[in-house]
Amino acid sequence: MTVGQYCIKDDYIHREYNGSVDTEEQVFWNAERIRIHEVAQWYEYDWARGLIQRFGAKSVLDIGCGPGFKLSTLLAPVTELAVGVDQPSAIALARSRFAEAVQFVEADLDRLVDHESHPLLSRQYDFITCMGVIEHLADPDPLLAFIKRYMAPGGYAVISTCDRDRVRGINCTMSPKPEHVREWNAHEFQVYMKQSGFRVCTFRHLLPERMVPSVFWNMQETLLRLGEGRCMFHTMAFLLQTEAADGAGRDTGDAAE
């Protein structure tokens, strides 16, 4: 297998645009997406919460915070400063619900560099989270450069996305989800993080959302029946530092899978 764009296998088909943004024709954050937001990526945020407590992080920047439920519920209570960044429709909802616990920045996630003059983006952060965002972006390189610039010395980031092999099967060559520009498997994503200047401290495979046991087992049975490596634990979350950070870092208490 040869390696193509963003360290993904060469025969993979990438979409050319981000279909997850507000436009004149649609507001991305509709009622159904808000409902899903409150259960999706729960375990990534819960893992990040424990790491923030373990490392004593005083400030958290959540890139792609959506309406802010998990940022305000899980992360804000364990740090001194919590800031969420997302597109206008998400931030309007977040401010209407969680303005007392979290500060928010409206931004185009494809062009974060255009927003660096914002007062809340005039500083670095001890801990940065970016959950389920990178697969939506037409070009994820500027996002990763932004995260590296905004990580405080010795700081950490958690970036999560779906594992293509586990959710689509090992033969998938294009995401069937129109909002996803591309998807990685775990090996490709680890290589991409390293090539982008990060040190991979550890990673985990997690459930994509909170669910009752009966739903889990029904969905797991379906995926196993489809085969090709599919599994319900198809979200992957990577704990990262920059290569410039102290190579020893702090003990994460985990080993990479």
Protein backbone atom coordinates (compact mmCIF):
# COMPACT_ATOMS: atom_id res chain seq x y z
CA MET A 1 0.00 0.00 0.00
CA THR A 2 1.31 3.45 -0.89
CA VAL A 3 0.65 6.54 1.21
CA GLY A 4 -1.17 9.56 -0.19
CA GLN A 5 -2.58 12.82 1.16
CA TYR A 6 -2.40 13.37 4.92
CA CYS A 7 -0.78 9.93 5.34
CA ILE A 8 -3.93 8.12 4.14
CA LYS A 9 -3.68 5.17 1.75
CA ASP A 10 -3.15 6.23 -1.83
CA ASP A 11 -6.41 4.88 -3.29
CA TYR A 12 -8.57 6.75 -0.78
CA ILE A 13 -10.97 9.38 -2.22
CA HIS A 14 -11.03 12.72 -0.38
CA ARG A 15 -13.93 15.15 -0.69
CA GLU A 16 -12.98 18.64 -1.79
CA TYR A 17 -14.98 20.76 0.65
CA ASN A 18 -16.16 21.01 4.25
CA GLY A 19 -19.89 20.24 4.30
CA SER A 20 -20.29 21.02 8.00
CA VAL A 21 -20.33 24.81 7.89
CA ASP A 22 -23.09 27.40 8.10
CA THR A 23 -24.18 28.67 4.69
CA GLU A 24 -26.93 30.93 3.36
CA GLU A 25 -28.94 27.79 2.62
CA GLN A 26 -28.46 26.01 5.97
CA VAL A 27 -27.55 26.46 9.60
CA PHE A 28 -25.45 23.44 10.48
CA TRP A 29 -26.50 23.19 14.12
CA ASN A 30 -30.12 22.13 13.77
CA ALA A 31 -32.25 20.47 16.48
CA GLU A 32 -31.18 16.92 15.60
CA ARG A 33 -27.46 17.76 15.68
CA ILE A 34 -27.90 19.48 19.04
CA ARG A 35 -29.56 16.33 20.40
CA ILE A 36 -26.71 14.15 19.13
CA HIS A 37 -24.11 16.58 20.49
CA GLU A 38 -25.12 15.85 24.08
CA VAL A 39 -24.27 12.14 23.81
CA ALA A 40 -21.65 11.96 21.04
CA GLN A 41 -17.93 12.12 21.96
CA TRP A 42 -18.85 11.82 25.63
CA TYR A 43 -16.05 9.36 26.38
CA GLU A 44 -13.37 11.49 24.67
CA TYR A 45 -14.31 14.44 26.84
CA ASP A 46 -14.50 12.26 29.94
CA TRP A 47 -10.97 10.95 29.24
CA ALA A 48 -9.75 14.53 28.71
CA ARG A 49 -11.37 15.55 32.00
CA GLY A 50 -9.32 12.95 33.88
CA LEU A 51 -6.11 14.05 32.13
CA ILE A 52 -6.77 17.71 32.93
CA GLN A 53 -7.15 16.79 36.59
CA ARG A 54 -4.06 14.56 36.54
CA PHE A 55 -1.86 17.20 34.94
CA GLY A 56 -3.29 20.11 36.91
CA ALA A 57 -4.11 22.06 33.74
CA LYS A 58 -5.40 25.54 34.61
CA SER A 59 -6.67 26.50 31.16
CA VAL A 60 -8.49 24.57 28.41
CA LEU A 61 -9.18 25.51 24.80
CA ASP A 62 -11.82 23.36 23.05
CA ILE A 63 -11.65 23.73 19.26
CA GLY A 64 -14.95 22.71 17.70
CA CYS A 65 -16.89 22.88 20.96
CA GLY A 66 -20.30 22.83 19.26
CA PRO A 67 -23.11 24.10 21.53
CA GLY A 68 -20.75 23.65 24.49
CA PHE A 69 -22.56 21.02 26.54
CA LYS A 70 -19.62 18.69 27.17
CA LEU A 71 -17.12 21.52 27.54
CA SER A 72 -19.25 23.17 30.23
CA THR A 73 -20.36 19.94 31.91
CA LEU A 74 -17.14 17.91 31.93
CA LEU A 75 -14.15 20.22 31.41
CA ALA A 76 -15.02 23.64 32.82
CA PRO A 77 -15.59 22.36 36.41
CA VAL A 78 -12.02 20.99 36.64
CA THR A 79 -10.08 23.98 35.30
CA GLU A 80 -9.83 27.71 35.96
CA LEU A 81 -10.35 28.95 32.39
CA ALA A 82 -12.40 27.16 29.73
CA VAL A 83 -12.71 28.61 26.22
CA GLY A 84 -14.70 27.14 23.32
CA VAL A 85 -14.20 27.91 19.63
CA ASP A 86 -16.66 27.11 16.83
CA GLN A 87 -18.73 28.57 14.02
CA PRO A 88 -21.43 31.21 14.72
CA SER A 89 -24.48 28.92 14.91
CA ALA A 90 -22.79 26.74 17.54
CA ILE A 91 -21.46 29.66 19.57
CA ALA A 92 -24.84 31.42 19.63
CA LEU A 93 -26.34 28.30 21.22
CA ALA A 94 -23.40 27.86 23.58
CA ARG A 95 -23.57 31.45 24.84
CA SER A 96 -27.32 31.18 25.43
CA ARG A 97 -26.82 28.15 27.68
CA PHE A 98 -23.34 28.19 29.22
CA ALA A 99 -21.98 31.75 29.22
CA GLU A 100 -21.48 31.72 33.00
CA ALA A 101 -19.11 28.73 32.93
CA VAL A 102 -17.28 29.11 29.61
CA GLN A 103 -16.04 31.89 27.33
CA PHE A 104 -16.58 31.47 23.60
CA VAL A 105 -15.01 32.59 20.32
CA GLU A 106 -16.76 32.56 16.94
CA ALA A 107 -14.39 31.29 14.25
CA ASP A 108 -14.17 29.57 10.88
CA LEU A 109 -12.45 26.31 11.79
CA ASP A 110 -11.02 26.06 8.29
CA ARG A 111 -9.35 29.47 8.78
CA LEU A 112 -8.46 29.74 12.46
CA VAL A 113 -5.47 31.92 11.62
CA ASP A 114 -7.91 34.71 10.69
CA HIS A 115 -9.12 34.89 14.30
CA GLU A 116 -5.83 35.06 16.20
CA SER A 117 -6.37 38.74 17.05
CA HIS A 118 -9.25 37.80 19.37
CA PRO A 119 -8.34 38.57 23.01
CA LEU A 120 -8.97 34.97 24.09
CA LEU A 121 -6.56 33.81 21.38
CA SER A 122 -3.76 36.09 22.55
CA ARG A 123 -2.48 33.44 24.98
CA GLN A 124 -1.51 29.78 25.13
CA TYR A 125 -3.42 27.01 26.91
CA ASP A 126 -2.33 24.16 29.16
CA PHE A 127 -4.70 21.71 27.52
CA ILE A 128 -6.35 21.75 24.09
CA THR A 129 -9.17 19.49 22.95
CA CYS A 130 -10.36 18.97 19.38
CA MET A 131 -12.99 16.23 19.25
CA GLY A 132 -14.48 14.99 16.01
CA VAL A 133 -13.41 18.05 14.01
CA ILE A 134 -10.41 17.14 11.89
CA GLU A 135 -12.33 14.79 9.57
CA HIS A 136 -14.59 17.70 8.53
CA LEU A 137 -11.86 20.06 7.33
CA ALA A 138 -10.84 20.46 3.71
CA ASP A 139 -7.23 21.02 4.81
CA PRO A 140 -6.43 19.94 8.39
CA ASP A 141 -2.81 21.14 8.34
CA PRO A 142 -3.63 24.71 9.48
CA LEU A 143 -5.66 23.30 12.39
CA LEU A 144 -2.68 21.26 13.59
CA ALA A 145 -0.36 24.24 13.22
CA PHE A 146 -2.82 26.32 15.27
CA ILE A 147 -2.93 23.70 18.03
CA LYS A 148 0.86 23.59 18.23
CA ARG A 149 1.08 27.40 18.50
CA TYR A 150 -1.52 27.57 21.25
CA MET A 151 -0.20 24.75 23.45
CA ALA A 152 1.61 26.17 26.47
CA PRO A 153 5.12 24.83 27.14
CA GLY A 154 4.67 21.32 28.54
CA GLY A 155 1.00 21.38 27.57
CA TYR A 156 -1.09 18.62 26.02
CA ALA A 157 -3.75 18.18 23.37
CA VAL A 158 -6.34 15.48 22.77
CA ILE A 159 -7.49 15.08 19.18
CA SER A 160 -10.18 12.54 18.34
CA THR A 161 -11.72 11.22 15.15
CA CYS A 162 -13.32 8.01 13.94
CA ASP A 163 -11.15 5.01 13.02
CA ARG A 164 -12.09 4.29 9.41
CA ASP A 165 -11.22 0.59 9.56
CA ARG A 166 -13.33 0.00 12.67
CA VAL A 167 -16.42 1.90 11.53
CA ARG A 168 -16.36 1.30 7.73
CA GLY A 169 -14.23 -1.81 7.31
CA ILE A 170 -10.68 -2.18 6.07
CA ASN A 171 -11.64 -1.88 2.38
CA CYS A 172 -13.32 1.53 2.63
CA THR A 173 -11.95 4.06 0.12
CA MET A 174 -14.36 6.97 0.77
CA SER A 175 -16.52 8.01 3.70
CA PRO A 176 -20.24 7.49 3.08
CA LYS A 177 -20.88 10.37 5.48
CA PRO A 178 -21.17 13.58 3.40
CA GLU A 179 -19.96 15.78 6.28
CA HIS A 180 -16.63 13.92 6.40
CA VAL A 181 -13.97 15.05 3.94
CA ARG A 182 -11.76 12.10 4.86
CA GLU A 183 -11.22 9.45 7.56
CA TRP A 184 -8.05 7.80 8.85
CA ASN A 185 -7.31 4.45 10.42
CA ALA A 186 -5.28 4.39 13.64
CA HIS A 187 -1.92 3.75 11.99
CA GLU A 188 -2.40 6.49 9.39
CA PHE A 189 -3.47 9.01 12.01
CA GLN A 190 -0.53 8.24 14.27
CA VAL A 191 1.87 8.72 11.34
CA TYR A 192 0.11 11.95 10.39
CA MET A 193 0.41 13.32 13.93
CA LYS A 194 4.12 12.50 14.04
CA GLN A 195 4.75 14.03 10.63
CA SER A 196 2.89 17.15 11.80
CA GLY A 197 5.32 17.68 14.66
CA PHE A 198 3.51 16.00 17.55
CA ARG A 199 4.73 13.38 19.98
CA VAL A 200 2.07 10.70 20.51
CA CYS A 201 1.95 10.03 24.26
CA THR A 202 -0.84 7.47 24.08
CA PHE A 203 -4.17 6.80 22.41
CA ARG A 204 -7.43 5.00 23.11
CA HIS A 205 -10.28 3.47 21.16
CA LEU A 206 -13.60 4.50 22.68
CA LEU A 207 -17.33 4.19 22.07
CA PRO A 208 -18.56 7.00 19.83
CA GLU A 209 -21.35 8.04 22.20
CA ARG A 210 -23.16 7.22 25.41
CA MET A 211 -25.67 4.42 24.90
CA VAL A 212 -27.64 1.86 26.88
CA PRO A 213 -26.28 -1.73 26.85
CA SER A 214 -29.06 -3.08 24.64
CA VAL A 215 -28.27 -0.56 21.92
CA PHE A 216 -24.56 -1.30 22.20
CA TRP A 217 -25.00 -5.04 21.76
CA ASN A 218 -27.41 -4.67 18.84
CA MET A 219 -25.04 -2.33 17.02
CA GLN A 220 -21.99 -4.44 17.87
CA GLU A 221 -23.69 -7.55 16.48
CA THR A 222 -24.44 -5.70 13.24
CA LEU A 223 -20.86 -4.50 12.84
CA LEU A 224 -19.39 -7.91 13.58
CA ARG A 225 -21.73 -9.48 11.05
CA LEU A 226 -20.52 -7.00 8.41
CA GLY A 227 -16.93 -7.98 9.24
CA GLU A 228 -13.78 -6.44 7.74
CA GLY A 229 -12.54 -5.31 11.15
CA ARG A 230 -15.60 -3.33 12.21
CA CYS A 231 -16.09 -2.73 15.94
CA MET A 232 -18.22 -0.50 18.15
CA PHE A 233 -15.11 1.02 19.75
CA HIS A 234 -14.45 3.01 16.59
CA THR A 235 -13.57 6.43 17.97
CA MET A 236 -9.85 7.03 18.49
CA ALA A 237 -8.46 9.73 20.78
CA PHE A 238 -4.79 10.69 20.79
CA LEU A 239 -2.97 12.42 23.64
CA LEU A 240 -0.28 14.62 22.12
CA GLN A 241 2.55 16.98 22.96
CA THR A 242 4.66 18.98 20.55
CA GLU A 243 8.02 17.57 19.57
CA ALA A 244 9.54 20.68 21.16
CA ALA A 245 8.18 19.66 24.57
CA ASP A 246 10.34 17.90 27.11
CA GLY A 247 10.74 14.39 25.73
CA ALA A 248 10.08 12.83 29.11
CA GLY A 249 6.75 14.64 29.56
CA ARG A 250 4.53 13.68 32.49
CA ASP A 251 3.34 10.19 33.24
CA THR A 252 0.04 9.63 31.44
CA GLY A 253 -0.70 6.42 33.29
CA ASP A 254 -1.44 4.70 29.98
CA ALA A 255 0.33 2.76 27.31
CA ALA A 256 -0.56 3.22 23.67
CA GLU A 257 -2.73 0.47 22.23
